C-alpha atoms as a PDB file:
ATOM      1  CA  MET A   1       5.385 -46.815  68.398  1.00  0.00           C
ATOM      2  CA  PRO A   2       7.708 -46.023  65.468  1.00  0.00           C
ATOM      3  CA  GLU A   3       5.285 -47.860  63.168  1.00  0.00           C
ATOM      4  CA  LEU A   4       2.537 -45.442  64.167  1.00  0.00           C
ATOM      5  CA  LEU A   5       4.743 -42.464  63.334  1.00  0.00           C
ATOM      6  CA  VAL A   6       5.610 -43.954  59.943  1.00  0.00           C
ATOM      7  CA  LEU A   7       1.909 -44.571  59.247  1.00  0.00           C
ATOM      8  CA  CYS A   8       1.041 -40.975  60.150  1.00  0.00           C
ATOM      9  CA  PHE A   9       3.869 -39.686  57.956  1.00  0.00           C
ATOM     10  CA  MET A  10       2.682 -41.835  55.040  1.00  0.00           C
ATOM     11  CA  LEU A  11      -0.865 -40.410  55.285  1.00  0.00           C
ATOM     12  CA  ILE A  12       0.295 -36.818  54.743  1.00  0.00           C
ATOM     13  CA  PRO A  13       0.130 -36.883  50.888  1.00  0.00           C
ATOM     14  CA  GLN A  14      -3.325 -38.479  50.997  1.00  0.00           C
ATOM     15  CA  LEU A  15      -4.653 -35.876  53.407  1.00  0.00           C
ATOM     16  CA  VAL A  16      -3.103 -33.030  51.431  1.00  0.00           C
ATOM     17  CA  ALA A  17      -4.644 -34.332  48.185  1.00  0.00           C
ATOM     18  CA  GLY A  18      -8.045 -34.777  49.821  1.00  0.00           C
ATOM     19  CA  VAL A  19      -8.126 -31.329  51.393  1.00  0.00           C
ATOM     20  CA  PHE A  20      -6.830 -29.673  48.245  1.00  0.00           C
ATOM     21  CA  ALA A  21      -9.477 -31.462  46.154  1.00  0.00           C
ATOM     22  CA  LYS A  22     -12.231 -30.471  48.597  1.00  0.00           C
ATOM     23  CA  ASN A  23     -11.164 -26.814  48.387  1.00  0.00           C
ATOM     24  CA  MET A  24     -11.393 -27.054  44.602  1.00  0.00           C
ATOM     25  CA  GLY A  25     -14.942 -28.413  44.777  1.00  0.00           C
ATOM     26  CA  LYS A  26     -14.053 -32.029  44.088  1.00  0.00           C
ATOM     27  CA  SER A  27     -14.598 -35.209  46.101  1.00  0.00           C
ATOM     28  CA  PHE A  28     -12.349 -35.522  49.151  1.00  0.00           C
ATOM     29  CA  TRP A  29     -12.629 -39.313  49.409  1.00  0.00           C
ATOM     30  CA  PHE A  30     -12.044 -39.968  45.700  1.00  0.00           C
ATOM     31  CA  TRP A  31      -8.772 -38.041  45.673  1.00  0.00           C
ATOM     32  CA  PHE A  32      -7.811 -39.403  49.084  1.00  0.00           C
ATOM     33  CA  PHE A  33      -7.970 -42.993  47.760  1.00  0.00           C
ATOM     34  CA  ILE A  34      -6.445 -42.109  44.379  1.00  0.00           C
ATOM     35  CA  SER A  35      -3.441 -40.708  46.199  1.00  0.00           C
ATOM     36  CA  PHE A  36      -2.881 -44.106  47.848  1.00  0.00           C
ATOM     37  CA  LEU A  37      -2.266 -45.535  44.393  1.00  0.00           C
ATOM     38  CA  ILE A  38      -0.248 -42.644  42.960  1.00  0.00           C
ATOM     39  CA  PRO A  39       0.617 -40.226  45.786  1.00  0.00           C
ATOM     40  CA  ILE A  40       2.738 -37.548  44.127  1.00  0.00           C
ATOM     41  CA  VAL A  41       1.170 -37.861  40.660  1.00  0.00           C
ATOM     42  CA  SER A  42      -2.313 -37.241  42.082  1.00  0.00           C
ATOM     43  CA  LEU A  43      -1.144 -33.959  43.617  1.00  0.00           C
ATOM     44  CA  ILE A  44       0.346 -32.857  40.296  1.00  0.00           C
ATOM     45  CA  VAL A  45      -2.883 -33.758  38.472  1.00  0.00           C
ATOM     46  CA  LEU A  46      -4.919 -31.754  41.001  1.00  0.00           C
ATOM     47  CA  LEU A  47      -2.771 -28.696  40.342  1.00  0.00           C
ATOM     48  CA  PHE A  48      -3.706 -28.733  36.657  1.00  0.00           C
ATOM     49  CA  LEU A  49      -7.455 -29.402  37.027  1.00  0.00           C
ATOM     50  CA  ASP A  50     -10.022 -26.624  36.796  1.00  0.00           C
ATOM     51  CA  ASN A  51     -11.402 -25.175  39.977  1.00  0.00           C
ATOM     52  CA  LYS A  52     -15.136 -25.955  40.237  1.00  0.00           C
ATOM     53  CA  LYS A  53     -15.671 -23.382  42.981  1.00  0.00           C
ATOM     54  CA  GLU A  54     -14.417 -20.589  40.780  1.00  0.00           C
ATOM     55  CA  GLU A  55     -17.120 -17.962  40.317  1.00  0.00           C
ATOM     56  CA  ARG A  56     -18.109 -17.798  36.703  1.00  0.00           C
ATOM     57  CA  GLN A  57     -20.175 -15.176  34.980  1.00  0.00           C
ATOM     58  CA  GLY A  58     -21.803 -17.720  32.687  1.00  0.00           C
ATOM     59  CA  TYR A  59     -21.535 -18.189  28.977  1.00  0.00           C
ATOM     60  CA  GLU A  60     -20.991 -15.281  26.665  1.00  0.00           C
ATOM     61  CA  LEU A  61     -23.671 -14.855  24.034  1.00  0.00           C
ATOM     62  CA  ALA A  62     -22.789 -15.152  20.379  1.00  0.00           C
ATOM     63  CA  ASP A  63     -22.707 -11.956  18.298  1.00  0.00           C
ATOM     64  CA  HIS A  64     -25.918 -12.724  16.411  1.00  0.00           C
ATOM     65  CA  VAL A  65     -27.789 -13.273  19.709  1.00  0.00           C
ATOM     66  CA  LYS A  66     -26.480 -10.003  21.150  1.00  0.00           C
ATOM     67  CA  LYS A  67     -27.709  -8.141  18.083  1.00  0.00           C
ATOM     68  CA  ARG A  68     -31.120  -9.791  18.262  1.00  0.00           C
ATOM     69  CA  ASP A  69     -31.608  -8.826  21.920  1.00  0.00           C
ATOM     70  CA  LYS A  70     -30.999  -5.130  21.286  1.00  0.00           C
ATOM     71  CA  PRO A  71     -34.190  -3.213  20.519  1.00  0.00           C
ATOM     72  CA  GLN A  72     -34.454  -2.212  16.882  1.00  0.00           C
ATOM     73  CA  LEU A  73     -35.141   1.496  16.375  1.00  0.00           C
ATOM     74  CA  PRO A  74     -37.602   2.247  13.609  1.00  0.00           C
ATOM     75  CA  THR A  75     -36.027   3.916  10.624  1.00  0.00           C
ATOM     76  CA  ASN A  76     -37.783   6.507   8.485  1.00  0.00           C
ATOM     77  CA  SER A  77     -37.351   5.280   4.933  1.00  0.00           C
END
């Protein structure tokens, strides 16, 4: 019985890493197994990775493209 409790306690970092990765839009199982190899380091790495689920507006156009898209008004020369 105590072995079962120790096993459950040892799975906590793996589950935390997997759930945290899934919430960030990454693979649950990949980070779950990575955290078996390096439990605390994997959590630290996850904290510094970009969030894939973050809503992004897209890429900003370069200045010369913005100018080209604006309609040119005819000038009286």
